[in-house]
Each structure stands twice: as C-alpha cells, then as structure tokens.
Protein backbone atom coordinates (compact mmCIF):
# COMPACT_ATOMS: atom_id res chain seq x y z
CA UNK A 1 -41.62 18.66 2.96
CA UNK A 2 -42.92 15.95 0.71
CA UNK A 3 -46.09 14.91 -1.29
CA UNK A 4 -47.08 11.41 -1.48
CA UNK A 5 -50.32 9.25 -1.09
CA UNK A 6 -50.72 7.51 2.18
CA UNK A 7 -54.27 7.52 2.73
CA UNK A 8 -56.85 9.89 1.15
CA UNK A 9 -58.48 12.27 3.35
CA UNK A 10 -60.61 15.29 2.95
CA UNK A 11 -59.30 18.56 1.78
CA UNK A 12 -60.12 20.36 5.10
CA UNK A 13 -58.43 17.40 7.03
CA UNK A 14 -55.43 17.85 4.96
CA UNK A 15 -55.29 21.47 5.64
CA UNK A 16 -55.46 20.93 9.19
CA UNK A 17 -52.83 18.25 9.28
CA UNK A 18 -50.55 20.47 7.21
CA UNK A 19 -50.69 23.23 9.62
CA UNK A 20 -49.57 21.07 12.51
CA UNK A 21 -47.23 18.83 10.70
CA UNK A 22 -45.27 21.91 8.97
CA UNK A 23 -44.34 22.89 12.53
CA UNK A 24 -44.29 19.46 13.76
CA UNK A 25 -47.30 20.04 15.77
CA UNK A 26 -48.92 16.59 15.51
CA UNK A 27 -47.56 13.85 13.27
CA UNK A 28 -48.26 10.28 13.05
CA UNK A 29 -51.80 10.59 11.42
CA UNK A 30 -52.94 9.64 7.94
CA UNK A 31 -52.00 12.68 5.98
CA UNK A 32 -52.85 11.85 2.30
CA UNK A 33 -51.37 14.22 -0.26
CA UNK A 34 -49.09 16.81 1.53
CA UNK A 35 -49.34 20.19 -0.04
CA UNK A 36 -48.57 23.76 0.89
CA UNK A 37 -51.70 25.62 -0.25
CA UNK A 38 -50.44 29.28 -0.92
CA UNK A 39 -51.48 31.45 -3.84
CA UNK A 40 -48.05 32.73 -4.88
CA UNK A 41 -46.24 30.20 -7.22
CA UNK A 42 -42.99 32.14 -6.68
CA UNK A 43 -43.14 31.62 -2.80
CA UNK A 44 -42.02 27.92 -3.38
CA UNK A 45 -39.13 29.20 -5.48
CA UNK A 46 -38.18 31.58 -2.76
CA UNK A 47 -38.20 29.08 -0.16
CA UNK A 48 -35.88 26.64 -2.11
CA UNK A 49 -33.61 29.31 -3.69
CA UNK A 50 -32.85 31.29 -0.40
CA UNK A 51 -32.10 28.21 1.60
CA UNK A 52 -28.53 28.35 3.29
CA UNK A 53 -25.92 26.25 1.83
CA UNK A 54 -24.20 25.99 5.21
CA UNK A 55 -23.76 22.30 6.37
CA UNK A 56 -22.73 23.35 9.85
CA UNK A 57 -24.07 20.75 12.21
CA UNK A 58 -26.37 22.59 14.72
CA UNK A 59 -28.06 19.68 16.48
CA UNK A 60 -28.09 15.87 16.70
CA UNK A 61 -31.12 13.62 17.20
CA UNK A 62 -29.91 10.14 18.22
CA UNK A 63 -27.52 9.06 15.55
CA UNK A 64 -28.54 11.78 12.97
CA UNK A 65 -27.13 15.14 12.49
CA UNK A 66 -29.12 18.25 11.51
CA UNK A 67 -27.43 21.09 9.63
CA UNK A 68 -27.85 24.72 9.54
CA UNK A 69 -29.00 24.52 5.95
CA UNK A 70 -31.82 22.02 6.91
CA UNK A 71 -32.94 24.33 9.75
CA UNK A 72 -32.99 27.39 7.69
CA UNK A 73 -35.19 25.78 4.89
CA UNK A 74 -37.50 24.43 7.86
CA UNK A 75 -37.89 27.77 9.06
CA UNK A 76 -38.91 29.15 5.63
CA UNK A 77 -41.47 26.44 5.36
CA UNK A 78 -42.74 27.18 8.68
CA UNK A 79 -43.10 30.83 8.25
CA UNK A 80 -45.26 30.11 5.07
CA UNK A 81 -47.47 27.86 7.13
CA UNK A 82 -47.93 30.69 9.79
CA UNK A 83 -49.04 33.02 7.09
CA UNK A 84 -51.57 30.49 5.89
CA UNK A 85 -52.71 29.98 9.66
CA UNK A 86 -53.16 33.69 10.12
CA UNK A 87 -55.07 33.86 7.00
CA UNK A 88 -57.42 31.18 8.20
CA UNK A 89 -57.66 32.72 11.76
CA UNK A 90 -58.77 35.96 10.02
CA UNK A 91 -61.46 34.29 8.15
CA UNK A 92 -59.75 34.83 4.82
CA UNK A 93 -58.83 31.34 4.01
CA UNK A 94 -60.53 28.76 1.81
CA UNK A 95 -61.94 26.40 4.77
CA UNK A 96 -64.26 28.46 6.99
CA UNK A 97 -65.05 25.15 8.95
CA UNK A 98 -61.57 24.79 10.29
CA UNK A 99 -61.27 24.38 14.13
CA UNK A 100 -60.00 27.92 14.89
CA UNK A 101 -59.55 27.37 18.57
CA UNK A 102 -57.03 24.52 18.14
CA UNK A 103 -55.55 26.52 15.27
CA UNK A 104 -55.24 29.52 17.43
CA UNK A 105 -53.66 27.50 20.23
CA UNK A 106 -51.00 25.97 17.89
CA UNK A 107 -50.16 29.43 16.42
CA UNK A 108 -49.74 30.83 19.94
CA UNK A 109 -47.16 27.97 20.66
CA UNK A 110 -45.01 28.81 17.81
CA UNK A 111 -45.15 32.63 18.60
CA UNK A 112 -44.27 31.74 22.18
CA UNK A 113 -41.22 29.47 21.57
CA UNK A 114 -40.09 31.11 18.17
CA UNK A 115 -39.82 29.96 14.69
CA UNK A 116 -36.34 28.39 15.23
CA UNK A 117 -37.22 26.33 18.12
CA UNK A 118 -40.35 25.16 16.45
CA UNK A 119 -38.72 24.27 13.26
CA UNK A 120 -35.77 22.49 14.87
CA UNK A 121 -38.13 20.49 17.06
CA UNK A 122 -39.85 19.30 13.97
CA UNK A 123 -36.67 18.09 12.49
CA UNK A 124 -35.61 16.40 15.57
CA UNK A 125 -38.87 14.89 16.35
CA UNK A 126 -38.96 13.40 12.67
CA UNK A 127 -35.52 11.91 13.00
CA UNK A 128 -36.04 10.31 16.39
CA UNK A 129 -39.46 8.83 15.55
CA UNK A 130 -38.02 7.43 12.31
CA UNK A 131 -35.19 5.84 14.22
CA UNK A 132 -37.65 4.33 16.67
CA UNK A 133 -39.69 2.88 13.72
CA UNK A 134 -36.58 1.29 12.13
CA UNK A 135 -35.61 -0.14 15.48
CA UNK A 136 -38.97 -1.83 15.94
CA UNK A 137 -38.94 -3.30 12.35
CA UNK A 138 -41.42 -0.73 10.65
CA UNK A 139 -39.61 -0.63 7.24
CA UNK A 140 -40.77 0.81 4.00
CA UNK A 141 -40.52 -1.47 1.07
CA UNK A 142 -39.33 -0.39 -2.43
CA UNK A 143 -42.69 -1.12 -3.82
CA UNK A 144 -44.58 1.17 -1.34
CA UNK A 145 -42.10 3.90 -1.97
CA UNK A 146 -42.30 3.64 -5.73
CA UNK A 147 -46.15 3.52 -5.73
CA UNK A 148 -46.11 6.73 -3.66
CA UNK A 149 -43.79 8.32 -5.89
CA UNK A 150 -45.57 7.46 -8.97
CA UNK A 151 -48.80 8.68 -7.74
CA UNK A 152 -47.23 12.07 -6.43
CA UNK A 153 -45.11 12.67 -9.56
CA UNK A 154 -48.17 11.83 -11.90
CA UNK A 155 -50.07 14.59 -9.91
CA UNK A 156 -47.16 17.01 -10.28
CA UNK A 157 -46.84 16.44 -13.96
CA UNK A 158 -50.62 17.06 -14.42
CA UNK A 159 -50.15 20.34 -12.59
CA UNK A 160 -52.66 19.10 -9.76
CA UNK A 161 -50.50 20.26 -6.92
CA UNK A 162 -50.88 23.61 -5.20
CA UNK A 163 -48.81 26.61 -6.37
CA UNK A 164 -46.37 26.55 -3.48
CA UNK A 165 -45.62 22.86 -3.73
CA UNK A 166 -45.16 23.09 -7.42
CA UNK A 167 -42.84 26.20 -7.06
CA UNK A 168 -40.75 24.28 -4.57
CA UNK A 169 -40.23 21.23 -6.71
CA UNK A 170 -39.65 23.44 -9.84
CA UNK A 171 -36.95 25.50 -8.05
CA UNK A 172 -34.86 22.48 -6.57
CA UNK A 173 -35.41 20.76 -9.91
CA UNK A 174 -37.91 18.11 -10.55
CA UNK A 175 -35.59 15.32 -11.35
CA UNK A 176 -33.50 16.09 -8.23
CA UNK A 177 -36.68 16.23 -6.04
CA UNK A 178 -38.08 12.93 -7.30
CA UNK A 179 -34.88 11.02 -7.20
CA UNK A 180 -33.11 12.54 -4.15
CA UNK A 181 -35.31 14.66 -1.86
CA UNK A 182 -38.62 12.64 -2.04
CA UNK A 183 -37.36 9.10 -1.28
CA UNK A 184 -35.81 10.28 2.00
CA UNK A 185 -38.62 12.16 3.21
CA UNK A 186 -41.29 9.78 2.06
CA UNK A 187 -39.31 6.85 3.64
CA UNK A 188 -39.13 8.69 7.04
CA UNK A 189 -42.67 9.73 7.07
CA UNK A 190 -44.15 6.38 5.76
CA UNK A 191 -42.19 4.44 8.38
CA UNK A 192 -43.44 6.73 11.01
CA UNK A 193 -46.94 6.08 10.04
CA UNK A 194 -46.51 2.40 10.39
CA UNK A 195 -44.99 2.99 13.79
CA UNK A 196 -48.27 4.98 14.53
CA UNK A 197 -50.46 2.18 13.32
CA UNK A 198 -48.46 -0.21 15.61
CA UNK A 199 -49.13 1.95 18.64
CA UNK A 200 -52.80 2.25 17.58
CA UNK A 201 -53.23 -1.58 17.46
CA UNK A 202 -51.91 -1.84 21.10
CA UNK A 203 -54.09 0.83 22.52
CA UNK A 204 -57.05 -0.36 24.53
CA UNK A 205 -59.56 1.65 22.66
CA UNK A 206 -60.94 2.05 19.25
CA UNK A 207 -61.81 5.64 19.60
CA UNK A 208 -59.60 7.77 17.21
CA UNK A 209 -59.19 10.67 19.56
CA UNK A 210 -58.01 8.43 22.46
CA UNK A 211 -55.72 6.45 20.16
CA UNK A 212 -54.16 9.88 19.41
CA UNK A 213 -53.62 10.41 23.26
CA UNK A 214 -51.77 6.95 23.41
CA UNK A 215 -49.74 8.17 20.48
CA UNK A 216 -48.56 11.38 22.31
CA UNK A 217 -47.78 9.39 25.48
CA UNK A 218 -45.65 7.03 23.22
CA UNK A 219 -43.98 10.00 21.53
CA UNK A 220 -43.04 11.62 24.91
CA UNK A 221 -41.55 8.38 26.15
CA UNK A 222 -39.41 7.86 22.93
CA UNK A 223 -38.21 11.53 23.04
CA UNK A 224 -37.42 11.29 26.64
CA UNK A 225 -35.02 8.33 26.20
CA UNK A 226 -33.56 9.70 23.00
CA UNK A 227 -29.93 11.53 23.01
CA UNK A 228 -30.84 14.99 21.74
CA UNK A 229 -28.26 17.80 21.43
CA UNK A 230 -28.62 21.36 20.31
CA UNK A 231 -25.19 23.10 19.69
CA UNK A 232 -24.49 26.81 20.12
CA UNK A 233 -23.99 28.39 16.93
CA UNK A 234 -24.16 31.83 15.17
CA UNK A 235 -26.47 30.15 12.62
CA UNK A 236 -29.46 30.06 15.08
CA UNK A 237 -30.95 30.93 18.42
CA UNK A 238 -32.54 27.47 19.22
CA UNK A 239 -31.86 25.87 22.36
CA UNK A 240 -32.43 22.35 23.82
CA UNK A 241 -34.90 23.90 26.38
CA UNK A 242 -36.70 25.73 23.72
CA UNK A 243 -37.12 22.77 21.49
CA UNK A 244 -38.16 20.44 24.39
CA UNK A 245 -40.49 23.00 25.79
CA UNK A 246 -42.17 23.48 22.35
CA UNK A 247 -42.75 19.77 22.05
CA UNK A 248 -43.96 19.34 25.55
CA UNK A 249 -46.51 22.20 24.97
CA UNK A 250 -47.57 20.78 21.76
CA UNK A 251 -48.36 17.51 23.20
CA UNK A 252 -50.36 18.96 26.10
CA UNK A 253 -52.28 21.13 23.74
CA UNK A 254 -53.11 18.20 21.57
CA UNK A 255 -54.07 15.98 24.55
CA UNK A 256 -56.35 18.71 25.98
CA UNK A 257 -58.22 19.07 22.61
CA UNK A 258 -58.32 15.41 21.95
CA UNK A 259 -59.85 14.67 25.36
CA UNK A 260 -62.32 17.50 24.70
CA UNK A 261 -63.34 15.85 21.63
CA UNK A 262 -63.71 12.46 23.05
CA UNK A 263 -65.79 13.52 25.88
CA UNK A 264 -67.96 16.14 24.16
CA UNK A 265 -70.47 13.53 22.71
CA UNK A 266 -71.03 12.28 26.21
CA UNK A 267 -72.19 15.54 27.72
CA UNK A 268 -74.98 17.91 26.99
CA UNK A 269 -74.44 20.59 24.32
CA UNK A 270 -74.96 23.28 26.87
CA UNK A 271 -72.36 21.77 29.10
CA UNK A 272 -69.56 21.78 26.37
CA UNK A 273 -66.85 24.07 27.43
CA UNK A 274 -65.79 26.92 25.17
CA UNK A 275 -62.22 26.69 24.03
C-alpha cells in the first residue's frame, strides 16, 4: 500500500483502480494518488497494529521471498477493499456511477479463490513485474522518487488523505512509513508503470482498452516464465494453483470487459450485450 503521484486521474477512476489493485486485479495503469477510502480512521490503525510479525517465508517470486507477515497485512488490506466494494455494490458508496457489473465480477473472483490466494497473488505479481521492469532497464530515478514522496507527504501533513490511509501511516509511524515503507513500494510500482508504458508503445493500437489487452497478454507471458513457489505452512491456506488460478481468471475477466468496451462504440446501442 502506498500513496504517490504518478498521473492525476479523476476521483471515480482512482476508486475503480484501487478496488482492482488492492487485490491485484489489474495493475499497470496510471493510478494517481492511491488511497484507501474508508470512513473509520481506526481501521488503518487496526490493519497495521494487528499485522503478524512472523517473517516465515511462505512463497518465492523469482529471486524475492514473501513472508507470512507480508501476506497477513495484504489480506487485511484486501478485506477492507472488499468491504468498500460491497458498499458500492449495494449502492451505498460515494460513486454511484461505478461500473458495477465489472466490480461484481471482480468481487466474485476474490470470493471464488479466497482472500489468501488473492492477496498472495497480488504480492507475487508485484514482485515478478518489478523484476521484469528492472531486467528491461525501467529504473526509477532518485529525483522521481523524491518528487513523488514530497507530493504525497505534503498531502498527508495537510490532512488531505483519506481516513484509512492516514490511520495506516500514523499507526506504523509517519517517519518510518516515509523513510522505509514508501520508497520500496513506490519504486516497485513506478518501475512497473514504466514497464506498462513500454508495452503500450509497442502495441499496434492507440486505443487505450486494447492497449490494456496487450498488457494482460504481456503479463501472462512474464508470469508463465517466472519461477514461483508457494510453500505449505500453518500460516496460510494459499496454494500455487489457487494463486495462478486467480490471476488467470482476473486476466480473462479484464480482457472480456476491455473488449466489450472497445467494440461497444462500433455497434448499435440496442445490440450492446448486458454484462
């Protein structure tokens, strides 16, 4: 979880991306300021303070290990995102114009595969894509990192972030977050965005939705080549089949929705299929 400025987008767009990114449902798009928009300030504190301190390795993604502690916190964040998604689906959220058919499909996938498989999939996918970005030379400069950090920290100190994000940063400690947590997460995500931009440049289309399809194809190939292991442990119930099954279903769901969005302008309104 992190907050920094990559590209500014509308509030509704940020919410949609947050929902999918939190469970690693999408990734690679411009995400602007990442926030966890919940009403309860204390929810962020609970997420941080209740995180397990267990550093037992429960998975490896390429040359990176993932600990039980990391998975536990990722699950807690995912559960908050599920609550927000359910609120939107019930029409109780702040953004009545959210694409609820897509949101429902994403929510169903998390329910199908389980929180731990979805959360671990998020962690694994992040690490693998970051390694690919580094391999291909998409580095994040110190200047870019400092600019993002300054923008985000200024927003935090002005109290402009949502209650959940503010609570999370406060509970882990602001100095610790900005000096230790933020740089790692921001570097990883900014490098991955540069990788996405590189894939977009090579796509033989200027249509945003079809560029996203190319990105999902690229991501699938990268993950297929990666060495990924999920170790049996009392700390979790996730499995390699569950992690990869979730990621496969997510990509197919994304492709389906993106293709529908692409072809929709080219057909009559009465012929548009109902999702």
